[in-house]
Amino acid sequence: MKKRWGKTPEGRVKAPISDWLDTIGACWFMPVKSKFGSRSVDYIGVWQGVAFAIEAKRPGGKSGLTNNQKTFLANWIKAGGWGFLTDSLEDLQTQWELACRIAGIKTQDT
């Protein structure tokens, strides 16, 4: 695991997610947060032609979306992108695999 993050609970969730996104060949970035809060989510990217957005929370913090994050994810999904709320890499991978199955995208595991 690359040491890109502090030792905050949310940072410990983001580090393995970032490494995994690199491993699967996703092109992604993390929008810059302002002191006024975020109008988007933690990750935005593309993988195998699919646009995705991910909001990562500290373990057990999946109920903590801001109104801006809820609106962003709802609009993102409505526009055809994949949207994920996660509190661990394992949770994200489970959601991702389900999205792949629904979309008919083959992965190493399917």
Protein backbone atom coordinates (compact mmCIF):
# COMPACT_ATOMS: atom_id res chain seq x y z
CA MET A 1 0.00 0.00 0.00
CA LYS A 2 1.44 3.36 -1.01
CA LYS A 3 1.69 5.95 1.75
CA ARG A 4 -0.39 8.70 0.16
CA TRP A 5 -2.69 9.34 3.08
CA GLY A 6 -2.58 10.45 6.66
CA LYS A 7 -3.53 8.15 9.44
CA THR A 8 -7.14 9.29 9.64
CA PRO A 9 -9.82 6.60 9.54
CA GLU A 10 -11.02 7.85 6.14
CA GLY A 11 -7.45 8.01 4.85
CA ARG A 12 -6.96 4.36 5.77
CA VAL A 13 -9.98 3.55 3.60
CA LYS A 14 -8.83 5.68 0.64
CA ALA A 15 -5.27 4.35 0.41
CA PRO A 16 -6.19 0.77 -0.59
CA ILE A 17 -8.97 2.04 -2.87
CA SER A 18 -6.49 4.24 -4.75
CA ASP A 19 -4.04 1.36 -5.10
CA TRP A 20 -6.79 -0.98 -6.32
CA LEU A 21 -8.04 1.53 -8.91
CA ASP A 22 -4.47 1.72 -10.25
CA THR A 23 -4.23 -2.08 -10.30
CA ILE A 24 -7.39 -2.53 -12.38
CA GLY A 25 -6.28 0.11 -14.89
CA ALA A 26 -8.81 2.80 -14.06
CA CYS A 27 -8.12 6.41 -15.02
CA TRP A 28 -9.18 8.44 -11.99
CA PHE A 29 -8.66 11.61 -10.02
CA MET A 30 -9.74 13.12 -6.74
CA PRO A 31 -11.43 16.53 -7.04
CA VAL A 32 -9.83 19.22 -4.92
CA LYS A 33 -11.84 20.02 -1.81
CA SER A 34 -12.38 23.62 -0.80
CA LYS A 35 -12.74 25.05 2.68
CA PHE A 36 -16.45 25.36 1.92
CA GLY A 37 -16.94 21.62 1.46
CA SER A 38 -17.23 19.40 -1.56
CA ARG A 39 -19.79 19.58 -4.30
CA SER A 40 -18.77 16.18 -5.62
CA VAL A 41 -17.25 12.97 -4.24
CA ASP A 42 -13.80 11.57 -3.41
CA TYR A 43 -13.07 9.80 -6.73
CA ILE A 44 -14.16 10.38 -10.31
CA GLY A 45 -12.89 8.17 -13.10
CA VAL A 46 -13.37 5.86 -16.04
CA TRP A 47 -12.79 2.12 -16.31
CA GLN A 48 -13.45 0.06 -19.46
CA GLY A 49 -15.61 2.86 -20.84
CA VAL A 50 -17.70 3.24 -17.68
CA ALA A 51 -17.69 6.50 -15.74
CA PHE A 52 -17.62 5.99 -11.98
CA ALA A 53 -17.82 8.12 -8.85
CA ILE A 54 -16.87 6.92 -5.37
CA GLU A 55 -17.42 8.48 -1.98
CA ALA A 56 -15.26 6.83 0.67
CA LYS A 57 -16.16 7.15 4.33
CA ARG A 58 -14.47 6.03 7.52
CA PRO A 59 -15.44 2.52 8.63
CA GLY A 60 -19.06 2.57 9.74
CA GLY A 61 -19.61 6.05 8.27
CA LYS A 62 -21.71 5.18 5.23
CA SER A 63 -24.68 7.17 6.56
CA GLY A 64 -22.68 10.42 6.49
CA LEU A 65 -23.27 11.77 2.98
CA THR A 66 -23.72 15.52 2.70
CA ASN A 67 -26.66 16.88 0.72
CA ASN A 68 -24.23 17.93 -2.02
CA GLN A 69 -22.79 14.41 -2.19
CA LYS A 70 -26.25 12.83 -2.30
CA THR A 71 -27.30 15.16 -5.12
CA PHE A 72 -24.06 14.59 -7.04
CA LEU A 73 -24.30 10.79 -6.83
CA ALA A 74 -28.01 10.80 -7.75
CA ASN A 75 -27.33 12.96 -10.83
CA TRP A 76 -24.26 10.90 -11.75
CA ILE A 77 -26.23 7.65 -11.66
CA LYS A 78 -29.18 9.22 -13.50
CA ALA A 79 -26.73 10.22 -16.27
CA GLY A 80 -25.58 6.60 -16.62
CA GLY A 81 -22.46 6.50 -14.45
CA TRP A 82 -21.72 4.09 -11.66
CA GLY A 83 -21.93 5.62 -8.19
CA PHE A 84 -20.59 4.02 -5.03
CA LEU A 85 -20.65 4.83 -1.32
CA THR A 86 -18.18 2.69 0.60
CA ASP A 87 -16.38 2.36 3.89
CA SER A 88 -13.80 -0.26 2.82
CA LEU A 89 -12.05 -1.66 -0.23
CA GLU A 90 -13.82 -4.99 0.23
CA ASP A 91 -17.23 -3.30 0.26
CA LEU A 92 -16.35 -1.34 -2.90
CA GLN A 93 -15.14 -4.49 -4.66
CA THR A 94 -18.42 -6.27 -3.84
CA GLN A 95 -20.47 -3.37 -5.19
CA TRP A 96 -18.19 -3.10 -8.26
CA GLU A 97 -18.53 -6.80 -9.07
CA LEU A 98 -22.32 -6.53 -8.86
CA ALA A 99 -22.29 -3.50 -11.17
CA CYS A 100 -20.13 -5.45 -13.64
CA ARG A 101 -22.55 -8.38 -13.61
CA ILE A 102 -25.54 -6.11 -14.17
CA ALA A 103 -23.74 -4.33 -17.03
CA GLY A 104 -22.50 -7.61 -18.53
CA ILE A 105 -18.84 -6.64 -18.16
CA LYS A 106 -16.40 -9.51 -17.75
CA THR A 107 -13.82 -9.21 -14.98
CA GLN A 108 -11.07 -11.51 -13.80
CA ASP A 109 -13.48 -12.99 -11.26
CA THR A 110 -16.40 -13.60 -13.66
